Amino acid sequence: MAHTFEDLVTLERTAEDAHARYLAADTDRETARSAWVEAAAAFQQAVTEYAEAEGKVRYEVEMAAKATVRHPSDDS
């Protein structure tokens, strides 16, 4: 499946949200942990596929997607 950079951002947001649910005190930790691990793995796989398809450095793609999620610009 071909991914766009926007797909990567969406997947990273999903992983971050799952991580927040895992850290929440009022959740089933094992279920929340499994969801977090699955979401993070989906993001990592998509980053690898995107970087290979675009001929980009995988690490740079990952960091760009994470920066977009964690430090959104005020332009939007």
N, C-alpha and C. Protein backbone atom coordinates (compact mmCIF):
# COMPACT_ATOMS: atom_id res chain seq x y z
N MET A 1 0.83 -1.18 0.00
CA MET A 1 0.00 0.00 0.00
C MET A 1 0.88 1.24 0.00
N ALA A 2 0.59 2.16 -0.89
CA ALA A 2 1.34 3.41 -0.95
C ALA A 2 0.81 4.37 0.11
N HIS A 3 1.73 4.93 0.86
CA HIS A 3 1.36 5.86 1.92
C HIS A 3 1.75 7.27 1.52
N THR A 4 1.02 8.23 2.03
CA THR A 4 1.38 9.63 1.88
C THR A 4 1.95 10.09 3.22
N PHE A 5 2.58 11.26 3.21
CA PHE A 5 3.09 11.80 4.46
C PHE A 5 1.94 12.05 5.43
N GLU A 6 0.79 12.46 4.90
CA GLU A 6 -0.38 12.69 5.75
C GLU A 6 -0.83 11.40 6.42
N ASP A 7 -0.71 10.27 5.71
CA ASP A 7 -1.02 8.96 6.32
C ASP A 7 -0.10 8.71 7.52
N LEU A 8 1.18 9.04 7.36
CA LEU A 8 2.12 8.82 8.45
C LEU A 8 1.75 9.66 9.66
N VAL A 9 1.37 10.90 9.41
CA VAL A 9 0.98 11.79 10.51
C VAL A 9 -0.25 11.22 11.23
N THR A 10 -1.21 10.74 10.46
CA THR A 10 -2.42 10.15 11.06
C THR A 10 -2.06 8.92 11.90
N LEU A 11 -1.21 8.07 11.38
CA LEU A 11 -0.80 6.87 12.11
C LEU A 11 -0.04 7.23 13.39
N GLU A 12 0.81 8.25 13.32
CA GLU A 12 1.55 8.67 14.52
C GLU A 12 0.60 9.27 15.55
N ARG A 13 -0.39 10.03 15.09
CA ARG A 13 -1.38 10.57 16.03
C ARG A 13 -2.13 9.44 16.72
N THR A 14 -2.47 8.41 15.96
CA THR A 14 -3.16 7.25 16.51
C THR A 14 -2.29 6.58 17.58
N ALA A 15 -1.00 6.43 17.29
CA ALA A 15 -0.09 5.81 18.25
C ALA A 15 0.06 6.68 19.50
N GLU A 16 0.15 7.98 19.32
CA GLU A 16 0.25 8.89 20.47
C GLU A 16 -1.01 8.84 21.32
N ASP A 17 -2.17 8.80 20.68
CA ASP A 17 -3.43 8.70 21.41
C ASP A 17 -3.50 7.38 22.19
N ALA A 18 -3.06 6.31 21.56
CA ALA A 18 -3.06 5.00 22.22
C ALA A 18 -2.12 5.01 23.42
N HIS A 19 -0.99 5.68 23.28
CA HIS A 19 -0.04 5.79 24.38
C HIS A 19 -0.66 6.56 25.54
N ALA A 20 -1.36 7.62 25.24
CA ALA A 20 -2.02 8.41 26.29
C ALA A 20 -3.06 7.57 27.02
N ARG A 21 -3.82 6.75 26.27
CA ARG A 21 -4.81 5.88 26.92
C ARG A 21 -4.12 4.86 27.82
N TYR A 22 -2.97 4.36 27.37
CA TYR A 22 -2.20 3.40 28.18
C TYR A 22 -1.77 4.04 29.50
N LEU A 23 -1.38 5.29 29.44
CA LEU A 23 -0.91 5.97 30.65
C LEU A 23 -2.04 6.41 31.58
N ALA A 24 -3.25 6.45 31.05
CA ALA A 24 -4.39 6.87 31.87
C ALA A 24 -4.64 5.85 32.98
N ALA A 25 -4.95 6.33 34.13
CA ALA A 25 -5.13 5.45 35.29
C ALA A 25 -6.42 4.64 35.23
N ASP A 26 -7.38 5.08 34.45
CA ASP A 26 -8.70 4.44 34.47
C ASP A 26 -8.92 3.47 33.30
N THR A 27 -7.87 2.86 32.78
CA THR A 27 -8.02 1.94 31.65
C THR A 27 -7.50 0.56 32.00
N ASP A 28 -7.93 -0.42 31.23
CA ASP A 28 -7.36 -1.77 31.31
C ASP A 28 -5.98 -1.69 30.67
N ARG A 29 -4.96 -1.73 31.48
CA ARG A 29 -3.59 -1.46 31.01
C ARG A 29 -3.13 -2.44 29.95
N GLU A 30 -3.46 -3.70 30.08
CA GLU A 30 -2.98 -4.68 29.09
C GLU A 30 -3.63 -4.46 27.73
N THR A 31 -4.92 -4.19 27.71
CA THR A 31 -5.61 -3.91 26.45
C THR A 31 -5.07 -2.62 25.85
N ALA A 32 -4.90 -1.61 26.69
CA ALA A 32 -4.37 -0.33 26.21
C ALA A 32 -2.95 -0.48 25.69
N ARG A 33 -2.16 -1.29 26.37
CA ARG A 33 -0.77 -1.51 25.93
C ARG A 33 -0.76 -2.20 24.58
N SER A 34 -1.59 -3.20 24.39
CA SER A 34 -1.66 -3.91 23.11
C SER A 34 -2.06 -2.97 21.98
N ALA A 35 -3.03 -2.10 22.25
CA ALA A 35 -3.46 -1.14 21.23
C ALA A 35 -2.32 -0.18 20.88
N TRP A 36 -1.57 0.25 21.89
CA TRP A 36 -0.45 1.16 21.68
C TRP A 36 0.64 0.48 20.84
N VAL A 37 0.99 -0.74 21.20
CA VAL A 37 2.03 -1.47 20.47
C VAL A 37 1.61 -1.68 19.02
N GLU A 38 0.37 -2.05 18.79
CA GLU A 38 -0.13 -2.26 17.43
C GLU A 38 -0.10 -0.97 16.61
N ALA A 39 -0.52 0.13 17.23
CA ALA A 39 -0.53 1.41 16.53
C ALA A 39 0.88 1.87 16.21
N ALA A 40 1.79 1.69 17.15
CA ALA A 40 3.18 2.08 16.91
C ALA A 40 3.81 1.22 15.81
N ALA A 41 3.50 -0.06 15.80
CA ALA A 41 4.03 -0.95 14.76
C ALA A 41 3.49 -0.57 13.39
N ALA A 42 2.22 -0.21 13.31
CA ALA A 42 1.63 0.22 12.04
C ALA A 42 2.32 1.47 11.53
N PHE A 43 2.60 2.41 12.44
CA PHE A 43 3.31 3.63 12.06
C PHE A 43 4.71 3.30 11.55
N GLN A 44 5.43 2.47 12.27
CA GLN A 44 6.80 2.13 11.87
C GLN A 44 6.83 1.45 10.50
N GLN A 45 5.90 0.54 10.26
CA GLN A 45 5.83 -0.15 8.97
C GLN A 45 5.54 0.84 7.84
N ALA A 46 4.61 1.74 8.09
CA ALA A 46 4.25 2.73 7.08
C ALA A 46 5.43 3.67 6.78
N VAL A 47 6.16 4.05 7.81
CA VAL A 47 7.34 4.91 7.61
C VAL A 47 8.35 4.20 6.73
N THR A 48 8.60 2.94 7.00
CA THR A 48 9.56 2.16 6.21
C THR A 48 9.12 2.10 4.75
N GLU A 49 7.85 1.79 4.53
CA GLU A 49 7.33 1.69 3.16
C GLU A 49 7.40 3.04 2.43
N TYR A 50 7.02 4.10 3.13
CA TYR A 50 7.03 5.43 2.53
C TYR A 50 8.47 5.84 2.17
N ALA A 51 9.38 5.66 3.09
CA ALA A 51 10.77 6.04 2.85
C ALA A 51 11.36 5.29 1.67
N GLU A 52 11.09 3.99 1.60
CA GLU A 52 11.59 3.20 0.48
C GLU A 52 10.99 3.66 -0.84
N ALA A 53 9.68 3.90 -0.86
CA ALA A 53 9.00 4.31 -2.08
C ALA A 53 9.45 5.69 -2.55
N GLU A 54 9.75 6.57 -1.61
CA GLU A 54 10.13 7.95 -1.95
C GLU A 54 11.64 8.13 -2.08
N GLY A 55 12.41 7.09 -1.76
CA GLY A 55 13.86 7.20 -1.81
C GLY A 55 14.41 8.16 -0.76
N LYS A 56 13.77 8.18 0.41
CA LYS A 56 14.19 9.07 1.49
C LYS A 56 14.80 8.28 2.63
N VAL A 57 15.50 8.99 3.48
CA VAL A 57 16.11 8.37 4.66
C VAL A 57 15.00 8.09 5.67
N ARG A 58 14.90 6.82 6.06
CA ARG A 58 13.82 6.39 6.94
C ARG A 58 13.76 7.19 8.24
N TYR A 59 14.90 7.37 8.87
CA TYR A 59 14.95 8.10 10.14
C TYR A 59 14.42 9.52 9.97
N GLU A 60 14.80 10.18 8.90
CA GLU A 60 14.35 11.55 8.66
C GLU A 60 12.84 11.63 8.44
N VAL A 61 12.30 10.63 7.74
CA VAL A 61 10.85 10.58 7.54
C VAL A 61 10.15 10.40 8.88
N GLU A 62 10.64 9.47 9.69
CA GLU A 62 10.03 9.22 11.00
C GLU A 62 10.06 10.48 11.86
N MET A 63 11.21 11.13 11.92
CA MET A 63 11.33 12.32 12.77
C MET A 63 10.45 13.46 12.26
N ALA A 64 10.31 13.60 10.95
CA ALA A 64 9.45 14.64 10.38
C ALA A 64 7.99 14.40 10.75
N ALA A 65 7.54 13.16 10.66
CA ALA A 65 6.16 12.83 11.01
C ALA A 65 5.92 13.06 12.50
N LYS A 66 6.85 12.64 13.33
CA LYS A 66 6.70 12.83 14.77
C LYS A 66 6.72 14.31 15.13
N ALA A 67 7.58 15.08 14.49
CA ALA A 67 7.63 16.52 14.75
C ALA A 67 6.32 17.19 14.35
N THR A 68 5.74 16.77 13.25
CA THR A 68 4.47 17.33 12.80
C THR A 68 3.38 17.08 13.82
N VAL A 69 3.37 15.90 14.41
CA VAL A 69 2.35 15.55 15.40
C VAL A 69 2.63 16.25 16.74
N ARG A 70 3.85 16.22 17.18
CA ARG A 70 4.17 16.70 18.52
C ARG A 70 4.36 18.21 18.61
N HIS A 71 4.70 18.82 17.48
CA HIS A 71 4.96 20.27 17.46
C HIS A 71 4.27 20.91 16.25
N PRO A 72 2.93 20.87 16.25
CA PRO A 72 2.22 21.45 15.10
C PRO A 72 2.49 22.95 14.98
N SER A 73 2.53 23.40 13.75
CA SER A 73 2.77 24.83 13.53
C SER A 73 1.50 25.62 13.83
N ASP A 74 1.67 26.89 14.02
CA ASP A 74 0.53 27.76 14.30
C ASP A 74 -0.15 28.21 13.01
N ASP A 75 0.36 27.78 11.85
CA ASP A 75 -0.18 28.19 10.55
C ASP A 75 -1.55 27.59 10.28
N SER A 76 -1.80 26.40 10.85
CA SER A 76 -3.01 25.68 10.48
C SER A 76 -4.26 26.14 11.19
